[in-house]
Amino acid sequence: MLLPLLLLLLSIGGLGAYYETNDDLIITQLLRGITAAAPVTDLYLYFHGFASGLAALYAQFPAVPWYGLSLYALLYVALVLLFAVLNRLLVGWLTGGKLP
């Protein structure tokens, strides 16, 4: 779990933290209620029920980038799962004696 975290922190520290697509800025504005009369809580195409929680977090703490944090948290979970699968697949092939 530490190697994916280190990889994520090094990439954010070296390259910066940015949105991935041009839709992310619009989604953030919808969740905050900037481009609509009220915060939009039914973005089922993107979040499948998480939009209401993100909109509530933006209402309570508007200065925190909740959408970006949730994207990076999901990326971290995906990296941890990828490393777990690779570790399980390669454990028989890469033992301590075979590493250079």
C-alpha atoms as a PDB file:
ATOM      1  CA  MET A   1       0.000   0.000   0.000  1.00  0.00           C
ATOM      2  CA  LEU A   2       2.960   2.321   0.475  1.00  0.00           C
ATOM      3  CA  LEU A   3       4.413   1.915  -3.015  1.00  0.00           C
ATOM      4  CA  PRO A   4       1.247   3.159  -4.803  1.00  0.00           C
ATOM      5  CA  LEU A   5       1.005   6.026  -2.308  1.00  0.00           C
ATOM      6  CA  LEU A   6       4.630   6.945  -2.935  1.00  0.00           C
ATOM      7  CA  LEU A   7       4.058   6.783  -6.696  1.00  0.00           C
ATOM      8  CA  LEU A   8       0.987   9.007  -6.420  1.00  0.00           C
ATOM      9  CA  LEU A   9       2.685  11.537  -4.137  1.00  0.00           C
ATOM     10  CA  LEU A  10       5.792  11.714  -6.333  1.00  0.00           C
ATOM     11  CA  SER A  11       3.728  12.274  -9.447  1.00  0.00           C
ATOM     12  CA  ILE A  12       1.616  14.971  -7.761  1.00  0.00           C
ATOM     13  CA  GLY A  13       4.711  16.600  -6.254  1.00  0.00           C
ATOM     14  CA  GLY A  14       6.690  16.507  -9.483  1.00  0.00           C
ATOM     15  CA  LEU A  15       4.031  17.143 -12.087  1.00  0.00           C
ATOM     16  CA  GLY A  16       1.290  18.829 -10.088  1.00  0.00           C
ATOM     17  CA  ALA A  17      -2.335  17.941  -9.500  1.00  0.00           C
ATOM     18  CA  TYR A  18      -4.633  18.771 -12.384  1.00  0.00           C
ATOM     19  CA  TYR A  19      -8.030  17.750 -13.688  1.00  0.00           C
ATOM     20  CA  GLU A  20      -7.938  14.996 -16.275  1.00  0.00           C
ATOM     21  CA  THR A  21     -10.657  16.133 -18.682  1.00  0.00           C
ATOM     22  CA  ASN A  22     -12.428  19.350 -19.556  1.00  0.00           C
ATOM     23  CA  ASP A  23     -15.662  18.002 -18.020  1.00  0.00           C
ATOM     24  CA  ASP A  24     -14.196  18.056 -14.515  1.00  0.00           C
ATOM     25  CA  LEU A  25     -14.400  21.821 -14.159  1.00  0.00           C
ATOM     26  CA  ILE A  26     -18.047  21.809 -15.268  1.00  0.00           C
ATOM     27  CA  ILE A  27     -18.876  18.934 -12.913  1.00  0.00           C
ATOM     28  CA  THR A  28     -17.269  20.821 -10.027  1.00  0.00           C
ATOM     29  CA  GLN A  29     -19.304  23.931 -10.854  1.00  0.00           C
ATOM     30  CA  LEU A  30     -22.507  21.871 -10.984  1.00  0.00           C
ATOM     31  CA  LEU A  31     -21.756  20.261  -7.624  1.00  0.00           C
ATOM     32  CA  ARG A  32     -21.044  23.656  -6.060  1.00  0.00           C
ATOM     33  CA  GLY A  33     -24.178  25.206  -7.538  1.00  0.00           C
ATOM     34  CA  ILE A  34     -22.288  27.868  -9.484  1.00  0.00           C
ATOM     35  CA  THR A  35     -23.753  27.129 -12.927  1.00  0.00           C
ATOM     36  CA  ALA A  36     -27.179  26.040 -11.671  1.00  0.00           C
ATOM     37  CA  ALA A  37     -29.789  27.495  -9.342  1.00  0.00           C
ATOM     38  CA  ALA A  38     -28.868  24.919  -6.688  1.00  0.00           C
ATOM     39  CA  PRO A  39     -26.181  22.247  -6.365  1.00  0.00           C
ATOM     40  CA  VAL A  40     -26.911  19.396  -8.743  1.00  0.00           C
ATOM     41  CA  THR A  41     -27.130  16.135  -6.819  1.00  0.00           C
ATOM     42  CA  ASP A  42     -28.259  13.730  -9.540  1.00  0.00           C
ATOM     43  CA  LEU A  43     -25.178  13.248 -11.705  1.00  0.00           C
ATOM     44  CA  TYR A  44     -25.847   9.531 -12.060  1.00  0.00           C
ATOM     45  CA  LEU A  45     -23.918   9.250 -15.301  1.00  0.00           C
ATOM     46  CA  TYR A  46     -20.687  10.070 -13.473  1.00  0.00           C
ATOM     47  CA  PHE A  47     -21.100   9.208  -9.807  1.00  0.00           C
ATOM     48  CA  HIS A  48     -23.934   6.688  -9.395  1.00  0.00           C
ATOM     49  CA  GLY A  49     -25.202   8.255  -6.180  1.00  0.00           C
ATOM     50  CA  PHE A  50     -22.068   9.967  -4.853  1.00  0.00           C
ATOM     51  CA  ALA A  51     -22.991  13.397  -6.256  1.00  0.00           C
ATOM     52  CA  SER A  52     -25.335  14.200  -3.378  1.00  0.00           C
ATOM     53  CA  GLY A  53     -22.556  13.554  -0.869  1.00  0.00           C
ATOM     54  CA  LEU A  54     -20.086  15.668  -2.823  1.00  0.00           C
ATOM     55  CA  ALA A  55     -22.633  18.483  -3.133  1.00  0.00           C
ATOM     56  CA  ALA A  56     -23.237  18.344   0.627  1.00  0.00           C
ATOM     57  CA  LEU A  57     -19.490  18.473   1.285  1.00  0.00           C
ATOM     58  CA  TYR A  58     -19.150  21.475  -1.035  1.00  0.00           C
ATOM     59  CA  ALA A  59     -22.017  23.174   0.823  1.00  0.00           C
ATOM     60  CA  GLN A  60     -20.336  22.653   4.209  1.00  0.00           C
ATOM     61  CA  PHE A  61     -16.708  23.231   3.180  1.00  0.00           C
ATOM     62  CA  PRO A  62     -16.626  25.119  -0.147  1.00  0.00           C
ATOM     63  CA  ALA A  63     -12.872  25.811  -0.123  1.00  0.00           C
ATOM     64  CA  VAL A  64     -11.881  22.116  -0.148  1.00  0.00           C
ATOM     65  CA  PRO A  65     -11.570  20.533  -3.621  1.00  0.00           C
ATOM     66  CA  TRP A  66     -13.734  17.504  -2.822  1.00  0.00           C
ATOM     67  CA  TYR A  67     -14.161  16.391  -6.424  1.00  0.00           C
ATOM     68  CA  GLY A  68     -10.426  16.368  -7.068  1.00  0.00           C
ATOM     69  CA  LEU A  69      -9.744  14.598  -3.783  1.00  0.00           C
ATOM     70  CA  SER A  70     -12.314  11.937  -4.623  1.00  0.00           C
ATOM     71  CA  LEU A  71     -10.719  11.397  -8.047  1.00  0.00           C
ATOM     72  CA  TYR A  72      -7.267  10.998  -6.508  1.00  0.00           C
ATOM     73  CA  ALA A  73      -8.665   8.685  -3.826  1.00  0.00           C
ATOM     74  CA  LEU A  74     -10.211   6.502  -6.523  1.00  0.00           C
ATOM     75  CA  LEU A  75      -6.911   6.540  -8.420  1.00  0.00           C
ATOM     76  CA  TYR A  76      -5.092   5.451  -5.260  1.00  0.00           C
ATOM     77  CA  VAL A  77      -7.537   2.581  -4.703  1.00  0.00           C
ATOM     78  CA  ALA A  78      -7.068   1.486  -8.322  1.00  0.00           C
ATOM     79  CA  LEU A  79      -3.273   1.577  -7.932  1.00  0.00           C
ATOM     80  CA  VAL A  80      -3.404  -0.439  -4.703  1.00  0.00           C
ATOM     81  CA  LEU A  81      -5.591  -3.062  -6.362  1.00  0.00           C
ATOM     82  CA  LEU A  82      -3.296  -3.169  -9.401  1.00  0.00           C
ATOM     83  CA  PHE A  83      -0.214  -3.683  -7.237  1.00  0.00           C
ATOM     84  CA  ALA A  84      -2.031  -6.363  -5.231  1.00  0.00           C
ATOM     85  CA  VAL A  85      -2.928  -8.268  -8.389  1.00  0.00           C
ATOM     86  CA  LEU A  86       0.573  -7.915  -9.808  1.00  0.00           C
ATOM     87  CA  ASN A  87       2.083  -9.032  -6.520  1.00  0.00           C
ATOM     88  CA  ARG A  88      -0.106 -12.115  -6.440  1.00  0.00           C
ATOM     89  CA  LEU A  89       0.655 -12.951 -10.082  1.00  0.00           C
ATOM     90  CA  LEU A  90       4.398 -12.428  -9.848  1.00  0.00           C
ATOM     91  CA  VAL A  91       5.121 -13.810  -6.390  1.00  0.00           C
ATOM     92  CA  GLY A  92       6.132 -17.186  -7.817  1.00  0.00           C
ATOM     93  CA  TRP A  93       8.318 -15.672 -10.524  1.00  0.00           C
ATOM     94  CA  LEU A  94      10.158 -12.984  -8.578  1.00  0.00           C
ATOM     95  CA  THR A  95      11.610 -14.349  -5.386  1.00  0.00           C
ATOM     96  CA  GLY A  96      14.457 -12.773  -3.451  1.00  0.00           C
ATOM     97  CA  GLY A  97      17.058 -15.004  -5.074  1.00  0.00           C
ATOM     98  CA  LYS A  98      16.053 -14.208  -8.637  1.00  0.00           C
ATOM     99  CA  LEU A  99      16.143 -10.436  -8.342  1.00  0.00           C
ATOM    100  CA  PRO A 100      19.330  -8.809  -9.716  1.00  0.00           C
END
